[in-house]
PDB file of N, CA and C in Angstrom:
ATOM      1  N   MET A   1       7.468 -16.717   0.874  1.00  0.00           N
ATOM      2  CA  MET A   1       6.369 -15.895   0.419  1.00  0.00           C
ATOM      3  C   MET A   1       5.337 -16.807  -0.195  1.00  0.00           C
ATOM      4  N   GLY A   2       4.122 -16.524   0.115  1.00  0.00           N
ATOM      5  CA  GLY A   2       3.070 -17.370  -0.403  1.00  0.00           C
ATOM      6  C   GLY A   2       2.519 -16.872  -1.725  1.00  0.00           C
ATOM      7  N   LEU A   3       2.436 -17.781  -2.660  1.00  0.00           N
ATOM      8  CA  LEU A   3       1.821 -17.455  -3.937  1.00  0.00           C
ATOM      9  C   LEU A   3       0.368 -17.065  -3.709  1.00  0.00           C
ATOM     10  N   ASP A   4      -0.224 -17.661  -2.694  1.00  0.00           N
ATOM     11  CA  ASP A   4      -1.608 -17.347  -2.334  1.00  0.00           C
ATOM     12  C   ASP A   4      -1.756 -15.870  -1.975  1.00  0.00           C
ATOM     13  N   ASP A   5      -0.787 -15.325  -1.224  1.00  0.00           N
ATOM     14  CA  ASP A   5      -0.846 -13.911  -0.834  1.00  0.00           C
ATOM     15  C   ASP A   5      -0.743 -12.997  -2.049  1.00  0.00           C
ATOM     16  N   ARG A   6       0.105 -13.346  -2.978  1.00  0.00           N
ATOM     17  CA  ARG A   6       0.241 -12.547  -4.212  1.00  0.00           C
ATOM     18  C   ARG A   6      -1.044 -12.616  -5.037  1.00  0.00           C
ATOM     19  N   ALA A   7      -1.647 -13.791  -5.090  1.00  0.00           N
ATOM     20  CA  ALA A   7      -2.892 -13.951  -5.843  1.00  0.00           C
ATOM     21  C   ALA A   7      -4.006 -13.119  -5.223  1.00  0.00           C
ATOM     22  N   LYS A   8      -4.069 -13.100  -3.898  1.00  0.00           N
ATOM     23  CA  LYS A   8      -5.082 -12.290  -3.217  1.00  0.00           C
ATOM     24  C   LYS A   8      -4.866 -10.807  -3.496  1.00  0.00           C
ATOM     25  N   ALA A   9      -3.608 -10.382  -3.500  1.00  0.00           N
ATOM     26  CA  ALA A   9      -3.301  -8.978  -3.785  1.00  0.00           C
ATOM     27  C   ALA A   9      -3.688  -8.630  -5.220  1.00  0.00           C
ATOM     28  N   ALA A  10      -3.416  -9.528  -6.148  1.00  0.00           N
ATOM     29  CA  ALA A  10      -3.781  -9.293  -7.548  1.00  0.00           C
ATOM     30  C   ALA A  10      -5.298  -9.221  -7.704  1.00  0.00           C
ATOM     31  N   ALA A  11      -5.995 -10.097  -7.002  1.00  0.00           N
ATOM     32  CA  ALA A  11      -7.461 -10.084  -7.057  1.00  0.00           C
ATOM     33  C   ALA A  11      -8.010  -8.786  -6.491  1.00  0.00           C
ATOM     34  N   LYS A  12      -7.409  -8.300  -5.414  1.00  0.00           N
ATOM     35  CA  LYS A  12      -7.846  -7.041  -4.805  1.00  0.00           C
ATOM     36  C   LYS A  12      -7.625  -5.886  -5.788  1.00  0.00           C
ATOM     37  N   ASN A  13      -6.518  -5.929  -6.523  1.00  0.00           N
ATOM     38  CA  ASN A  13      -6.227  -4.893  -7.505  1.00  0.00           C
ATOM     39  C   ASN A  13      -7.269  -4.902  -8.628  1.00  0.00           C
ATOM     40  N   ILE A  14      -7.596  -6.088  -9.116  1.00  0.00           N
ATOM     41  CA  ILE A  14      -8.602  -6.208 -10.174  1.00  0.00           C
ATOM     42  C   ILE A  14      -9.955  -5.726  -9.675  1.00  0.00           C
ATOM     43  N   GLU A  15     -10.298  -6.119  -8.461  1.00  0.00           N
ATOM     44  CA  GLU A  15     -11.561  -5.679  -7.859  1.00  0.00           C
ATOM     45  C   GLU A  15     -11.598  -4.155  -7.766  1.00  0.00           C
ATOM     46  N   GLY A  16     -10.491  -3.571  -7.344  1.00  0.00           N
ATOM     47  CA  GLY A  16     -10.418  -2.116  -7.223  1.00  0.00           C
ATOM     48  C   GLY A  16     -10.541  -1.419  -8.559  1.00  0.00           C
ATOM     49  N   LYS A  17      -9.899  -1.956  -9.580  1.00  0.00           N
ATOM     50  CA  LYS A  17      -9.991  -1.354 -10.917  1.00  0.00           C
ATOM     51  C   LYS A  17     -11.420  -1.419 -11.437  1.00  0.00           C
ATOM     52  N   ALA A  18     -12.075  -2.555 -11.209  1.00  0.00           N
ATOM     53  CA  ALA A  18     -13.460  -2.706 -11.652  1.00  0.00           C
ATOM     54  C   ALA A  18     -14.374  -1.728 -10.916  1.00  0.00           C
ATOM     55  N   GLN A  19     -14.160  -1.597  -9.616  1.00  0.00           N
ATOM     56  CA  GLN A  19     -15.010  -0.691  -8.839  1.00  0.00           C
ATOM     57  C   GLN A  19     -14.768   0.755  -9.253  1.00  0.00           C
ATOM     58  N   GLU A  20     -13.511   1.115  -9.494  1.00  0.00           N
ATOM     59  CA  GLU A  20     -13.217   2.477  -9.944  1.00  0.00           C
ATOM     60  C   GLU A  20     -13.867   2.737 -11.306  1.00  0.00           C
ATOM     61  N   ALA A  21     -13.770   1.760 -12.219  1.00  0.00           N
ATOM     62  CA  ALA A  21     -14.386   1.905 -13.540  1.00  0.00           C
ATOM     63  C   ALA A  21     -15.900   2.052 -13.418  1.00  0.00           C
ATOM     64  N   TRP A  22     -16.493   1.264 -12.538  1.00  0.00           N
ATOM     65  CA  TRP A  22     -17.943   1.355 -12.319  1.00  0.00           C
ATOM     66  C   TRP A  22     -18.308   2.744 -11.786  1.00  0.00           C
ATOM     67  N   GLY A  23     -17.482   3.241 -10.885  1.00  0.00           N
ATOM     68  CA  GLY A  23     -17.708   4.593 -10.363  1.00  0.00           C
ATOM     69  C   GLY A  23     -17.620   5.637 -11.457  1.00  0.00           C
ATOM     70  N   ASN A  24     -16.709   5.440 -12.399  1.00  0.00           N
ATOM     71  CA  ASN A  24     -16.599   6.365 -13.534  1.00  0.00           C
ATOM     72  C   ASN A  24     -17.840   6.304 -14.420  1.00  0.00           C
ATOM     73  N   VAL A  25     -18.335   5.091 -14.651  1.00  0.00           N
ATOM     74  CA  VAL A  25     -19.514   4.914 -15.504  1.00  0.00           C
ATOM     75  C   VAL A  25     -20.749   5.534 -14.855  1.00  0.00           C
ATOM     76  N   THR A  26     -20.910   5.287 -13.564  1.00  0.00           N
ATOM     77  CA  THR A  26     -22.118   5.762 -12.873  1.00  0.00           C
ATOM     78  C   THR A  26     -21.972   7.181 -12.334  1.00  0.00           C
ATOM     79  N   GLY A  27     -20.741   7.683 -12.320  1.00  0.00           N
ATOM     80  CA  GLY A  27     -20.515   9.021 -11.771  1.00  0.00           C
ATOM     81  C   GLY A  27     -20.521   9.037 -10.254  1.00  0.00           C
ATOM     82  N   ASP A  28     -20.313   7.880  -9.637  1.00  0.00           N
ATOM     83  CA  ASP A  28     -20.328   7.768  -8.178  1.00  0.00           C
ATOM     84  C   ASP A  28     -18.907   7.965  -7.631  1.00  0.00           C
ATOM     85  N   PRO A  29     -18.638   9.106  -7.004  1.00  0.00           N
ATOM     86  CA  PRO A  29     -17.287   9.368  -6.496  1.00  0.00           C
ATOM     87  C   PRO A  29     -16.887   8.417  -5.369  1.00  0.00           C
ATOM     88  N   GLU A  30     -17.870   7.910  -4.631  1.00  0.00           N
ATOM     89  CA  GLU A  30     -17.568   6.984  -3.539  1.00  0.00           C
ATOM     90  C   GLU A  30     -17.022   5.656  -4.088  1.00  0.00           C
ATOM     91  N   ASP A  31     -17.650   5.145  -5.136  1.00  0.00           N
ATOM     92  CA  ASP A  31     -17.156   3.914  -5.762  1.00  0.00           C
ATOM     93  C   ASP A  31     -15.758   4.130  -6.337  1.00  0.00           C
ATOM     94  N   LYS A  32     -15.546   5.267  -6.966  1.00  0.00           N
ATOM     95  CA  LYS A  32     -14.224   5.555  -7.523  1.00  0.00           C
ATOM     96  C   LYS A  32     -13.175   5.585  -6.417  1.00  0.00           C
ATOM     97  N   ALA A  33     -13.485   6.239  -5.312  1.00  0.00           N
ATOM     98  CA  ALA A  33     -12.537   6.340  -4.201  1.00  0.00           C
ATOM     99  C   ALA A  33     -12.267   4.976  -3.574  1.00  0.00           C
ATOM    100  N   GLU A  34     -13.314   4.188  -3.380  1.00  0.00           N
ATOM    101  CA  GLU A  34     -13.131   2.854  -2.807  1.00  0.00           C
ATOM    102  C   GLU A  34     -12.303   1.971  -3.741  1.00  0.00           C
ATOM    103  N   GLY A  35     -12.520   2.102  -5.032  1.00  0.00           N
ATOM    104  CA  GLY A  35     -11.751   1.330  -5.999  1.00  0.00           C
ATOM    105  C   GLY A  35     -10.275   1.703  -5.952  1.00  0.00           C
ATOM    106  N   LYS A  36      -9.995   2.991  -5.867  1.00  0.00           N
ATOM    107  CA  LYS A  36      -8.603   3.443  -5.783  1.00  0.00           C
ATOM    108  C   LYS A  36      -7.968   2.977  -4.472  1.00  0.00           C
ATOM    109  N   ALA A  37      -8.737   2.968  -3.396  1.00  0.00           N
ATOM    110  CA  ALA A  37      -8.215   2.505  -2.103  1.00  0.00           C
ATOM    111  C   ALA A  37      -7.858   1.022  -2.167  1.00  0.00           C
ATOM    112  N   LYS A  38      -8.682   0.236  -2.829  1.00  0.00           N
ATOM    113  CA  LYS A  38      -8.394  -1.199  -2.964  1.00  0.00           C
ATOM    114  C   LYS A  38      -7.131  -1.417  -3.791  1.00  0.00           C
ATOM    115  N   GLN A  39      -6.946  -0.610  -4.813  1.00  0.00           N
ATOM    116  CA  GLN A  39      -5.735  -0.724  -5.625  1.00  0.00           C
ATOM    117  C   GLN A  39      -4.502  -0.356  -4.805  1.00  0.00           C
ATOM    118  N   ALA A  40      -4.622   0.672  -3.972  1.00  0.00           N
ATOM    119  CA  ALA A  40      -3.504   1.065  -3.113  1.00  0.00           C
ATOM    120  C   ALA A  40      -3.194  -0.034  -2.106  1.00  0.00           C
ATOM    121  N   GLU A  41      -4.228  -0.651  -1.554  1.00  0.00           N
ATOM    122  CA  GLU A  41      -4.033  -1.761  -0.615  1.00  0.00           C
ATOM    123  C   GLU A  41      -3.294  -2.903  -1.301  1.00  0.00           C
ATOM    124  N   SER A  42      -3.651  -3.167  -2.538  1.00  0.00           N
ATOM    125  CA  SER A  42      -2.987  -4.217  -3.301  1.00  0.00           C
ATOM    126  C   SER A  42      -1.505  -3.909  -3.489  1.00  0.00           C
ATOM    127  N   GLU A  43      -1.186  -2.661  -3.797  1.00  0.00           N
ATOM    128  CA  GLU A  43       0.218  -2.267  -3.966  1.00  0.00           C
ATOM    129  C   GLU A  43       1.001  -2.467  -2.673  1.00  0.00           C
ATOM    130  N   VAL A  44       0.388  -2.129  -1.556  1.00  0.00           N
ATOM    131  CA  VAL A  44       1.050  -2.317  -0.263  1.00  0.00           C
ATOM    132  C   VAL A  44       1.284  -3.798  -0.005  1.00  0.00           C
ATOM    133  N   ARG A  45       0.279  -4.621  -0.280  1.00  0.00           N
ATOM    134  CA  ARG A  45       0.428  -6.067  -0.075  1.00  0.00           C
ATOM    135  C   ARG A  45       1.565  -6.630  -0.934  1.00  0.00           C
ATOM    136  N   HIS A  46       1.630  -6.174  -2.189  1.00  0.00           N
ATOM    137  CA  HIS A  46       2.723  -6.632  -3.064  1.00  0.00           C
ATOM    138  C   HIS A  46       4.064  -6.182  -2.501  1.00  0.00           C
ATOM    139  N   GLY A  47       4.127  -4.962  -1.993  1.00  0.00           N
ATOM    140  CA  GLY A  47       5.365  -4.459  -1.400  1.00  0.00           C
ATOM    141  C   GLY A  47       5.802  -5.289  -0.203  1.00  0.00           C
ATOM    142  N   VAL A  48       4.852  -5.645   0.632  1.00  0.00           N
ATOM    143  CA  VAL A  48       5.154  -6.483   1.804  1.00  0.00           C
ATOM    144  C   VAL A  48       5.695  -7.833   1.352  1.00  0.00           C
ATOM    145  N   GLU A  49       5.080  -8.406   0.341  1.00  0.00           N
ATOM    146  CA  GLU A  49       5.539  -9.699  -0.162  1.00  0.00           C
ATOM    147  C   GLU A  49       6.939  -9.583  -0.766  1.00  0.00           C
ATOM    148  N   ASP A  50       7.225  -8.466  -1.433  1.00  0.00           N
ATOM    149  CA  ASP A  50       8.569  -8.248  -1.977  1.00  0.00           C
ATOM    150  C   ASP A  50       9.604  -8.203  -0.854  1.00  0.00           C
ATOM    151  N   VAL A  51       9.268  -7.505   0.225  1.00  0.00           N
ATOM    152  CA  VAL A  51      10.185  -7.423   1.369  1.00  0.00           C
ATOM    153  C   VAL A  51      10.411  -8.813   1.961  1.00  0.00           C
ATOM    154  N   LYS A  52       9.332  -9.571   2.117  1.00  0.00           N
ATOM    155  CA  LYS A  52       9.457 -10.940   2.643  1.00  0.00           C
ATOM    156  C   LYS A  52      10.373 -11.773   1.747  1.00  0.00           C
ATOM    157  N   ASP A  53      10.187 -11.653   0.437  1.00  0.00           N
ATOM    158  CA  ASP A  53      11.021 -12.404  -0.497  1.00  0.00           C
ATOM    159  C   ASP A  53      12.493 -12.008  -0.367  1.00  0.00           C
ATOM    160  N   ASN A  54      12.752 -10.718  -0.281  1.00  0.00           N
ATOM    161  CA  ASN A  54      14.139 -10.252  -0.153  1.00  0.00           C
ATOM    162  C   ASN A  54      14.780 -10.757   1.122  1.00  0.00           C
ATOM    163  N   ILE A  55      14.068 -10.733   2.215  1.00  0.00           N
ATOM    164  CA  ILE A  55      14.608 -11.216   3.484  1.00  0.00           C
ATOM    165  C   ILE A  55      14.879 -12.713   3.394  1.00  0.00           C
ATOM    166  N   LYS A  56      13.928 -13.441   2.829  1.00  0.00           N
ATOM    167  CA  LYS A  56      14.107 -14.900   2.696  1.00  0.00           C
ATOM    168  C   LYS A  56      15.327 -15.223   1.841  1.00  0.00           C
ATOM    169  N   GLU A  57      15.509 -14.495   0.744  1.00  0.00           N
ATOM    170  CA  GLU A  57      16.663 -14.729  -0.127  1.00  0.00           C
ATOM    171  C   GLU A  57      17.977 -14.473   0.603  1.00  0.00           C
ATOM    172  N   LYS A  58      18.014 -13.439   1.422  1.00  0.00           N
ATOM    173  CA  LYS A  58      19.234 -13.109   2.141  1.00  0.00           C
ATOM    174  C   LYS A  58      19.542 -14.124   3.246  1.00  0.00           C
ATOM    175  N   LEU A  59      18.493 -14.735   3.793  1.00  0.00           N
ATOM    176  CA  LEU A  59      18.685 -15.720   4.850  1.00  0.00           C
ATOM    177  C   LEU A  59      19.048 -17.092   4.298  1.00  0.00           C
ATOM    178  N   ASP A  60      18.694 -17.356   3.068  1.00  0.00           N
ATOM    179  CA  ASP A  60      18.984 -18.675   2.471  1.00  0.00           C
ATOM    180  C   ASP A  60      20.388 -18.794   1.983  1.00  0.00           C
TER     181      ASP A  60
END
């Protein structure tokens, strides 16, 4: 598993939280939705990396 992939997922999560917060401040539902979508994408990426780690551990 690449630390780089986890870092990218974390960055996507932070980006999503910031965009959602901005949407809350401005009242823009589109920004809020896009921010939540980015956070969900980040969770999926972390899940994929967890699966990769588990498989690698079992193979080693």
